Each structure stands twice: as C-alpha cells, then as structure tokens.
Amino acid sequence: MNVTYYQPGNAYDLVLTNYHEEPYDDTDYTYWLTNLGTIHDLEMIKKIVEKNFYAETPVHHLMLKQPNKLHNTKKW
C-alpha cells in the first residue's frame, strides 16, 4: 500500500481527508479525519489499515505477493 496525497484523475481504494468530501471518482471509501495534517499521521494510519484491514482480508494476500513466491501461497 502506498500513502500519497490525493490527485484528481487517479483511482484510489481508500481516501483519508481532513475535510468532509463525497467519494472521489472510483473510490469506494472516503474517510474524514479531522486534524490530519502531517505525513507522520498518514504513515500511522497506513500501519493501522495494514494491521486491522488488510491483514484480515484475503485481498491482502493478492496485493502483496512476491512474484517469485506465487506458487507457495494458500488459496482462499
């Protein structure tokens, strides 16, 4: 997962903002977080998302596979 600032025209799986906004473009989820201001904040959120969402979701295994290890993974 990459943490970047939103740029119009790009598709995102998750958008975190410090102001209220309807979902962008093709983004399914937009979260409004008040007082979000620094890259450190975004990195901490990234860790929370990785720990609590992707680690519990089968999609996680598809997104983060190493190309040379695809044949050794579990099928969900």
PDB file of N, CA and C in Angstrom:
ATOM      1  N   MET A   1       0.849  -1.167   0.000  1.00  0.00           N
ATOM      2  CA  MET A   1       0.000   0.000   0.000  1.00  0.00           C
ATOM      3  C   MET A   1       0.895   1.230   0.000  1.00  0.00           C
ATOM      4  N   ASN A   2       0.526   2.198  -0.795  1.00  0.00           N
ATOM      5  CA  ASN A   2       1.254   3.461  -0.828  1.00  0.00           C
ATOM      6  C   ASN A   2       0.407   4.551  -0.198  1.00  0.00           C
ATOM      7  N   VAL A   3       1.039   5.440   0.528  1.00  0.00           N
ATOM      8  CA  VAL A   3       0.356   6.597   1.099  1.00  0.00           C
ATOM      9  C   VAL A   3       0.779   7.808   0.288  1.00  0.00           C
ATOM     10  N   THR A   4      -0.175   8.431  -0.382  1.00  0.00           N
ATOM     11  CA  THR A   4       0.109   9.607  -1.192  1.00  0.00           C
ATOM     12  C   THR A   4      -0.994  10.630  -0.993  1.00  0.00           C
ATOM     13  N   TYR A   5      -0.708  11.840  -1.385  1.00  0.00           N
ATOM     14  CA  TYR A   5      -1.738  12.866  -1.370  1.00  0.00           C
ATOM     15  C   TYR A   5      -2.664  12.645  -2.558  1.00  0.00           C
ATOM     16  N   TYR A   6      -3.943  12.946  -2.371  1.00  0.00           N
ATOM     17  CA  TYR A   6      -4.926  12.780  -3.438  1.00  0.00           C
ATOM     18  C   TYR A   6      -4.621  13.705  -4.607  1.00  0.00           C
ATOM     19  N   GLN A   7      -4.717  13.148  -5.807  1.00  0.00           N
ATOM     20  CA  GLN A   7      -4.583  13.935  -7.020  1.00  0.00           C
ATOM     21  C   GLN A   7      -5.750  13.585  -7.922  1.00  0.00           C
ATOM     22  N   PRO A   8      -6.556  14.562  -8.314  1.00  0.00           N
ATOM     23  CA  PRO A   8      -7.719  14.289  -9.166  1.00  0.00           C
ATOM     24  C   PRO A   8      -7.337  13.513 -10.413  1.00  0.00           C
ATOM     25  N   GLY A   9      -8.218  12.616 -10.816  1.00  0.00           N
ATOM     26  CA  GLY A   9      -7.982  11.820 -12.008  1.00  0.00           C
ATOM     27  C   GLY A   9      -7.380  10.460 -11.724  1.00  0.00           C
ATOM     28  N   ASN A  10      -6.838  10.245 -10.535  1.00  0.00           N
ATOM     29  CA  ASN A  10      -6.294   8.945 -10.153  1.00  0.00           C
ATOM     30  C   ASN A  10      -7.344   8.159  -9.390  1.00  0.00           C
ATOM     31  N   ALA A  11      -7.290   6.835  -9.483  1.00  0.00           N
ATOM     32  CA  ALA A  11      -8.217   5.978  -8.746  1.00  0.00           C
ATOM     33  C   ALA A  11      -7.545   5.515  -7.462  1.00  0.00           C
ATOM     34  N   TYR A  12      -8.305   5.506  -6.376  1.00  0.00           N
ATOM     35  CA  TYR A  12      -7.781   5.109  -5.074  1.00  0.00           C
ATOM     36  C   TYR A  12      -8.732   4.119  -4.426  1.00  0.00           C
ATOM     37  N   ASP A  13      -8.201   3.197  -3.626  1.00  0.00           N
ATOM     38  CA  ASP A  13      -9.018   2.270  -2.855  1.00  0.00           C
ATOM     39  C   ASP A  13      -9.524   2.911  -1.580  1.00  0.00           C
ATOM     40  N   LEU A  14      -8.768   3.824  -1.031  1.00  0.00           N
ATOM     41  CA  LEU A  14      -9.105   4.456   0.240  1.00  0.00           C
ATOM     42  C   LEU A  14      -8.598   5.890   0.220  1.00  0.00           C
ATOM     43  N   VAL A  15      -9.463   6.825   0.590  1.00  0.00           N
ATOM     44  CA  VAL A  15      -9.075   8.233   0.658  1.00  0.00           C
ATOM     45  C   VAL A  15      -9.331   8.730   2.064  1.00  0.00           C
ATOM     46  N   LEU A  16      -8.320   9.330   2.681  1.00  0.00           N
ATOM     47  CA  LEU A  16      -8.443   9.928   4.009  1.00  0.00           C
ATOM     48  C   LEU A  16      -8.290  11.434   3.854  1.00  0.00           C
ATOM     49  N   THR A  17      -9.239  12.188   4.386  1.00  0.00           N
ATOM     50  CA  THR A  17      -9.165  13.637   4.244  1.00  0.00           C
ATOM     51  C   THR A  17      -9.316  14.317   5.591  1.00  0.00           C
ATOM     52  N   ASN A  18      -8.950  15.585   5.638  1.00  0.00           N
ATOM     53  CA  ASN A  18      -9.191  16.374   6.839  1.00  0.00           C
ATOM     54  C   ASN A  18     -10.345  17.349   6.621  1.00  0.00           C
ATOM     55  N   TYR A  19     -11.190  17.048   5.668  1.00  0.00           N
ATOM     56  CA  TYR A  19     -12.409  17.814   5.415  1.00  0.00           C
ATOM     57  C   TYR A  19     -13.452  16.865   4.851  1.00  0.00           C
ATOM     58  N   HIS A  20     -14.729  17.221   4.984  1.00  0.00           N
ATOM     59  CA  HIS A  20     -15.799  16.340   4.520  1.00  0.00           C
ATOM     60  C   HIS A  20     -15.844  16.337   3.000  1.00  0.00           C
ATOM     61  N   GLU A  21     -15.964  15.156   2.432  1.00  0.00           N
ATOM     62  CA  GLU A  21     -15.997  15.036   0.981  1.00  0.00           C
ATOM     63  C   GLU A  21     -16.773  13.786   0.612  1.00  0.00           C
ATOM     64  N   GLU A  22     -17.507  13.857  -0.469  1.00  0.00           N
ATOM     65  CA  GLU A  22     -18.163  12.666  -1.005  1.00  0.00           C
ATOM     66  C   GLU A  22     -17.086  11.790  -1.651  1.00  0.00           C
ATOM     67  N   PRO A  23     -17.393  10.490  -1.891  1.00  0.00           N
ATOM     68  CA  PRO A  23     -16.382   9.627  -2.519  1.00  0.00           C
ATOM     69  C   PRO A  23     -15.871  10.214  -3.837  1.00  0.00           C
ATOM     70  N   TYR A  24     -14.569  10.122  -4.040  1.00  0.00           N
ATOM     71  CA  TYR A  24     -13.934  10.630  -5.245  1.00  0.00           C
ATOM     72  C   TYR A  24     -14.011   9.604  -6.358  1.00  0.00           C
ATOM     73  N   ASP A  25     -14.189  10.038  -7.566  1.00  0.00           N
ATOM     74  CA  ASP A  25     -14.044   9.220  -8.768  1.00  0.00           C
ATOM     75  C   ASP A  25     -14.518   7.789  -8.527  1.00  0.00           C
ATOM     76  N   ASP A  26     -13.599   6.814  -8.615  1.00  0.00           N
ATOM     77  CA  ASP A  26     -13.930   5.400  -8.432  1.00  0.00           C
ATOM     78  C   ASP A  26     -13.670   4.913  -7.014  1.00  0.00           C
ATOM     79  N   THR A  27     -13.373   5.795  -6.093  1.00  0.00           N
ATOM     80  CA  THR A  27     -13.048   5.393  -4.734  1.00  0.00           C
ATOM     81  C   THR A  27     -14.304   4.949  -4.007  1.00  0.00           C
ATOM     82  N   ASP A  28     -14.269   3.756  -3.436  1.00  0.00           N
ATOM     83  CA  ASP A  28     -15.421   3.242  -2.699  1.00  0.00           C
ATOM     84  C   ASP A  28     -15.522   3.845  -1.313  1.00  0.00           C
ATOM     85  N   TYR A  29     -14.398   4.146  -0.702  1.00  0.00           N
ATOM     86  CA  TYR A  29     -14.399   4.607   0.681  1.00  0.00           C
ATOM     87  C   TYR A  29     -13.653   5.924   0.813  1.00  0.00           C
ATOM     88  N   THR A  30     -14.306   6.896   1.414  1.00  0.00           N
ATOM     89  CA  THR A  30     -13.661   8.164   1.736  1.00  0.00           C
ATOM     90  C   THR A  30     -13.889   8.419   3.209  1.00  0.00           C
ATOM     91  N   TYR A  31     -12.818   8.596   3.971  1.00  0.00           N
ATOM     92  CA  TYR A  31     -12.924   8.812   5.404  1.00  0.00           C
ATOM     93  C   TYR A  31     -12.487  10.223   5.745  1.00  0.00           C
ATOM     94  N   TRP A  32     -13.253  10.857   6.577  1.00  0.00           N
ATOM     95  CA  TRP A  32     -12.965  12.222   7.005  1.00  0.00           C
ATOM     96  C   TRP A  32     -12.323  12.169   8.376  1.00  0.00           C
ATOM     97  N   LEU A  33     -11.085  12.577   8.479  1.00  0.00           N
ATOM     98  CA  LEU A  33     -10.365  12.591   9.744  1.00  0.00           C
ATOM     99  C   LEU A  33      -9.988  14.027  10.057  1.00  0.00           C
ATOM    100  N   THR A  34     -10.513  14.556  11.151  1.00  0.00           N
ATOM    101  CA  THR A  34     -10.203  15.938  11.488  1.00  0.00           C
ATOM    102  C   THR A  34      -8.783  16.046  12.029  1.00  0.00           C
ATOM    103  N   ASN A  35      -8.201  17.174  11.829  1.00  0.00           N
ATOM    104  CA  ASN A  35      -6.854  17.484  12.316  1.00  0.00           C
ATOM    105  C   ASN A  35      -5.777  16.556  11.758  1.00  0.00           C
ATOM    106  N   LEU A  36      -6.008  16.027  10.580  1.00  0.00           N
ATOM    107  CA  LEU A  36      -4.996  15.215   9.916  1.00  0.00           C
ATOM    108  C   LEU A  36      -4.101  16.175   9.151  1.00  0.00           C
ATOM    109  N   GLY A  37      -2.823  16.188   9.468  1.00  0.00           N
ATOM    110  CA  GLY A  37      -2.023  17.211   8.837  1.00  0.00           C
ATOM    111  C   GLY A  37      -0.644  16.829   8.376  1.00  0.00           C
ATOM    112  N   THR A  38      -0.046  15.775   8.895  1.00  0.00           N
ATOM    113  CA  THR A  38       1.354  15.509   8.570  1.00  0.00           C
ATOM    114  C   THR A  38       1.522  14.153   7.906  1.00  0.00           C
ATOM    115  N   ILE A  39       2.661  13.964   7.270  1.00  0.00           N
ATOM    116  CA  ILE A  39       2.998  12.666   6.686  1.00  0.00           C
ATOM    117  C   ILE A  39       3.054  11.612   7.787  1.00  0.00           C
ATOM    118  N   HIS A  40       3.532  11.985   8.964  1.00  0.00           N
ATOM    119  CA  HIS A  40       3.571  11.046  10.085  1.00  0.00           C
ATOM    120  C   HIS A  40       2.169  10.529  10.400  1.00  0.00           C
ATOM    121  N   ASP A  41       1.174  11.414  10.389  1.00  0.00           N
ATOM    122  CA  ASP A  41      -0.207  10.989  10.611  1.00  0.00           C
ATOM    123  C   ASP A  41      -0.618   9.946   9.576  1.00  0.00           C
ATOM    124  N   LEU A  42      -0.290  10.208   8.312  1.00  0.00           N
ATOM    125  CA  LEU A  42      -0.657   9.275   7.246  1.00  0.00           C
ATOM    126  C   LEU A  42       0.061   7.942   7.404  1.00  0.00           C
ATOM    127  N   GLU A  43       1.321   7.969   7.790  1.00  0.00           N
ATOM    128  CA  GLU A  43       2.069   6.725   7.989  1.00  0.00           C
ATOM    129  C   GLU A  43       1.475   5.903   9.136  1.00  0.00           C
ATOM    130  N   MET A  44       1.052   6.568  10.194  1.00  0.00           N
ATOM    131  CA  MET A  44       0.431   5.855  11.315  1.00  0.00           C
ATOM    132  C   MET A  44      -0.904   5.246  10.889  1.00  0.00           C
ATOM    133  N   ILE A  45      -1.656   5.973  10.092  1.00  0.00           N
ATOM    134  CA  ILE A  45      -2.920   5.438   9.576  1.00  0.00           C
ATOM    135  C   ILE A  45      -2.643   4.249   8.672  1.00  0.00           C
ATOM    136  N   LYS A  46      -1.606   4.334   7.857  1.00  0.00           N
ATOM    137  CA  LYS A  46      -1.228   3.218   6.989  1.00  0.00           C
ATOM    138  C   LYS A  46      -0.975   1.966   7.821  1.00  0.00           C
ATOM    139  N   LYS A  47      -0.266   2.102   8.931  1.00  0.00           N
ATOM    140  CA  LYS A  47       0.010   0.953   9.798  1.00  0.00           C
ATOM    141  C   LYS A  47      -1.276   0.382  10.386  1.00  0.00           C
ATOM    142  N   ILE A  48      -2.183   1.260  10.787  1.00  0.00           N
ATOM    143  CA  ILE A  48      -3.456   0.798  11.343  1.00  0.00           C
ATOM    144  C   ILE A  48      -4.256   0.046  10.287  1.00  0.00           C
ATOM    145  N   VAL A  49      -4.309   0.594   9.071  1.00  0.00           N
ATOM    146  CA  VAL A  49      -5.051  -0.064   7.994  1.00  0.00           C
ATOM    147  C   VAL A  49      -4.426  -1.411   7.672  1.00  0.00           C
ATOM    148  N   GLU A  50      -3.103  -1.456   7.564  1.00  0.00           N
ATOM    149  CA  GLU A  50      -2.438  -2.724   7.268  1.00  0.00           C
ATOM    150  C   GLU A  50      -2.725  -3.761   8.340  1.00  0.00           C
ATOM    151  N   LYS A  51      -2.679  -3.347   9.594  1.00  0.00           N
ATOM    152  CA  LYS A  51      -2.873  -4.275  10.707  1.00  0.00           C
ATOM    153  C   LYS A  51      -4.321  -4.736  10.832  1.00  0.00           C
ATOM    154  N   ASN A  52      -5.268  -3.807  10.726  1.00  0.00           N
ATOM    155  CA  ASN A  52      -6.658  -4.124  11.030  1.00  0.00           C
ATOM    156  C   ASN A  52      -7.536  -4.428   9.831  1.00  0.00           C
ATOM    157  N   PHE A  53      -7.111  -4.070   8.641  1.00  0.00           N
ATOM    158  CA  PHE A  53      -7.941  -4.351   7.476  1.00  0.00           C
ATOM    159  C   PHE A  53      -7.283  -5.363   6.562  1.00  0.00           C
ATOM    160  N   TYR A  54      -6.152  -5.011   5.980  1.00  0.00           N
ATOM    161  CA  TYR A  54      -5.533  -5.901   5.009  1.00  0.00           C
ATOM    162  C   TYR A  54      -5.078  -7.214   5.623  1.00  0.00           C
ATOM    163  N   ALA A  55      -4.626  -7.208   6.850  1.00  0.00           N
ATOM    164  CA  ALA A  55      -4.172  -8.449   7.484  1.00  0.00           C
ATOM    165  C   ALA A  55      -5.322  -9.423   7.692  1.00  0.00           C
ATOM    166  N   GLU A  56      -6.554  -8.925   7.753  1.00  0.00           N
ATOM    167  CA  GLU A  56      -7.727  -9.766   7.981  1.00  0.00           C
ATOM    168  C   GLU A  56      -8.512 -10.035   6.702  1.00  0.00           C
ATOM    169  N   THR A  57      -8.034  -9.586   5.562  1.00  0.00           N
ATOM    170  CA  THR A  57      -8.779  -9.674   4.314  1.00  0.00           C
ATOM    171  C   THR A  57      -8.008 -10.511   3.305  1.00  0.00           C
ATOM    172  N   PRO A  58      -8.657 -11.488   2.667  1.00  0.00           N
ATOM    173  CA  PRO A  58      -7.970 -12.290   1.657  1.00  0.00           C
ATOM    174  C   PRO A  58      -7.346 -11.459   0.534  1.00  0.00           C
ATOM    175  N   VAL A  59      -7.915 -10.309   0.210  1.00  0.00           N
ATOM    176  CA  VAL A  59      -7.355  -9.445  -0.827  1.00  0.00           C
ATOM    177  C   VAL A  59      -5.916  -9.074  -0.499  1.00  0.00           C
ATOM    178  N   HIS A  60      -5.606  -8.966   0.779  1.00  0.00           N
ATOM    179  CA  HIS A  60      -4.245  -8.634   1.219  1.00  0.00           C
ATOM    180  C   HIS A  60      -3.226  -9.584   0.591  1.00  0.00           C
ATOM    181  N   HIS A  61      -3.557 -10.851   0.542  1.00  0.00           N
ATOM    182  CA  HIS A  61      -2.618 -11.827   0.008  1.00  0.00           C
ATOM    183  C   HIS A  61      -2.415 -11.639  -1.492  1.00  0.00           C
ATOM    184  N   LEU A  62      -3.427 -11.160  -2.169  1.00  0.00           N
ATOM    185  CA  LEU A  62      -3.294 -10.919  -3.598  1.00  0.00           C
ATOM    186  C   LEU A  62      -2.474  -9.670  -3.882  1.00  0.00           C
ATOM    187  N   MET A  63      -2.615  -8.652  -3.046  1.00  0.00           N
ATOM    188  CA  MET A  63      -1.965  -7.368  -3.292  1.00  0.00           C
ATOM    189  C   MET A  63      -0.481  -7.376  -2.979  1.00  0.00           C
ATOM    190  N   LEU A  64      -0.063  -8.146  -1.992  1.00  0.00           N
ATOM    191  CA  LEU A  64       1.310  -8.042  -1.516  1.00  0.00           C
ATOM    192  C   LEU A  64       2.166  -9.269  -1.811  1.00  0.00           C
ATOM    193  N   LYS A  65       1.741 -10.119  -2.753  1.00  0.00           N
ATOM    194  CA  LYS A  65       2.528 -11.308  -3.082  1.00  0.00           C
ATOM    195  C   LYS A  65       3.835 -10.922  -3.763  1.00  0.00           C
ATOM    196  N   GLN A  66       4.856 -11.686  -3.457  1.00  0.00           N
ATOM    197  CA  GLN A  66       6.123 -11.535  -4.155  1.00  0.00           C
ATOM    198  C   GLN A  66       6.034 -12.367  -5.430  1.00  0.00           C
ATOM    199  N   PRO A  67       6.435 -11.846  -6.578  1.00  0.00           N
ATOM    200  CA  PRO A  67       6.301 -12.571  -7.849  1.00  0.00           C
ATOM    201  C   PRO A  67       6.931 -13.955  -7.840  1.00  0.00           C
ATOM    202  N   ASN A  68       8.051 -14.144  -7.170  1.00  0.00           N
ATOM    203  CA  ASN A  68       8.715 -15.443  -7.165  1.00  0.00           C
ATOM    204  C   ASN A  68       8.140 -16.399  -6.126  1.00  0.00           C
ATOM    205  N   LYS A  69       7.155 -15.981  -5.344  1.00  0.00           N
ATOM    206  CA  LYS A  69       6.593 -16.842  -4.313  1.00  0.00           C
ATOM    207  C   LYS A  69       5.120 -17.158  -4.566  1.00  0.00           C
ATOM    208  N   LEU A  70       4.604 -16.861  -5.738  1.00  0.00           N
ATOM    209  CA  LEU A  70       3.185 -17.053  -6.014  1.00  0.00           C
ATOM    210  C   LEU A  70       2.760 -18.513  -5.896  1.00  0.00           C
ATOM    211  N   HIS A  71       3.605 -19.447  -6.274  1.00  0.00           N
ATOM    212  CA  HIS A  71       3.228 -20.853  -6.248  1.00  0.00           C
ATOM    213  C   HIS A  71       3.193 -21.433  -4.833  1.00  0.00           C
ATOM    214  N   ASN A  72       3.708 -20.743  -3.840  1.00  0.00           N
ATOM    215  CA  ASN A  72       3.738 -21.253  -2.469  1.00  0.00           C
ATOM    216  C   ASN A  72       2.652 -20.670  -1.573  1.00  0.00           C
ATOM    217  N   THR A  73       1.717 -19.921  -2.128  1.00  0.00           N
ATOM    218  CA  THR A  73       0.716 -19.254  -1.299  1.00  0.00           C
ATOM    219  C   THR A  73      -0.532 -20.100  -1.144  1.00  0.00           C
ATOM    220  N   LYS A  74      -1.279 -19.836  -0.076  1.00  0.00           N
ATOM    221  CA  LYS A  74      -2.541 -20.526   0.154  1.00  0.00           C
ATOM    222  C   LYS A  74      -3.594 -19.990  -0.793  1.00  0.00           C
ATOM    223  N   LYS A  75      -4.552 -20.837  -1.132  1.00  0.00           N
ATOM    224  CA  LYS A  75      -5.683 -20.388  -1.933  1.00  0.00           C
ATOM    225  C   LYS A  75      -6.836 -20.121  -1.003  1.00  0.00           C
ATOM    226  N   TRP A  76      -7.517 -19.017  -1.228  1.00  0.00           N
ATOM    227  CA  TRP A  76      -8.629 -18.627  -0.361  1.00  0.00           C
ATOM    228  C   TRP A  76      -9.930 -18.926  -1.024  1.00  0.00           C
TER     229      TRP A  76
END
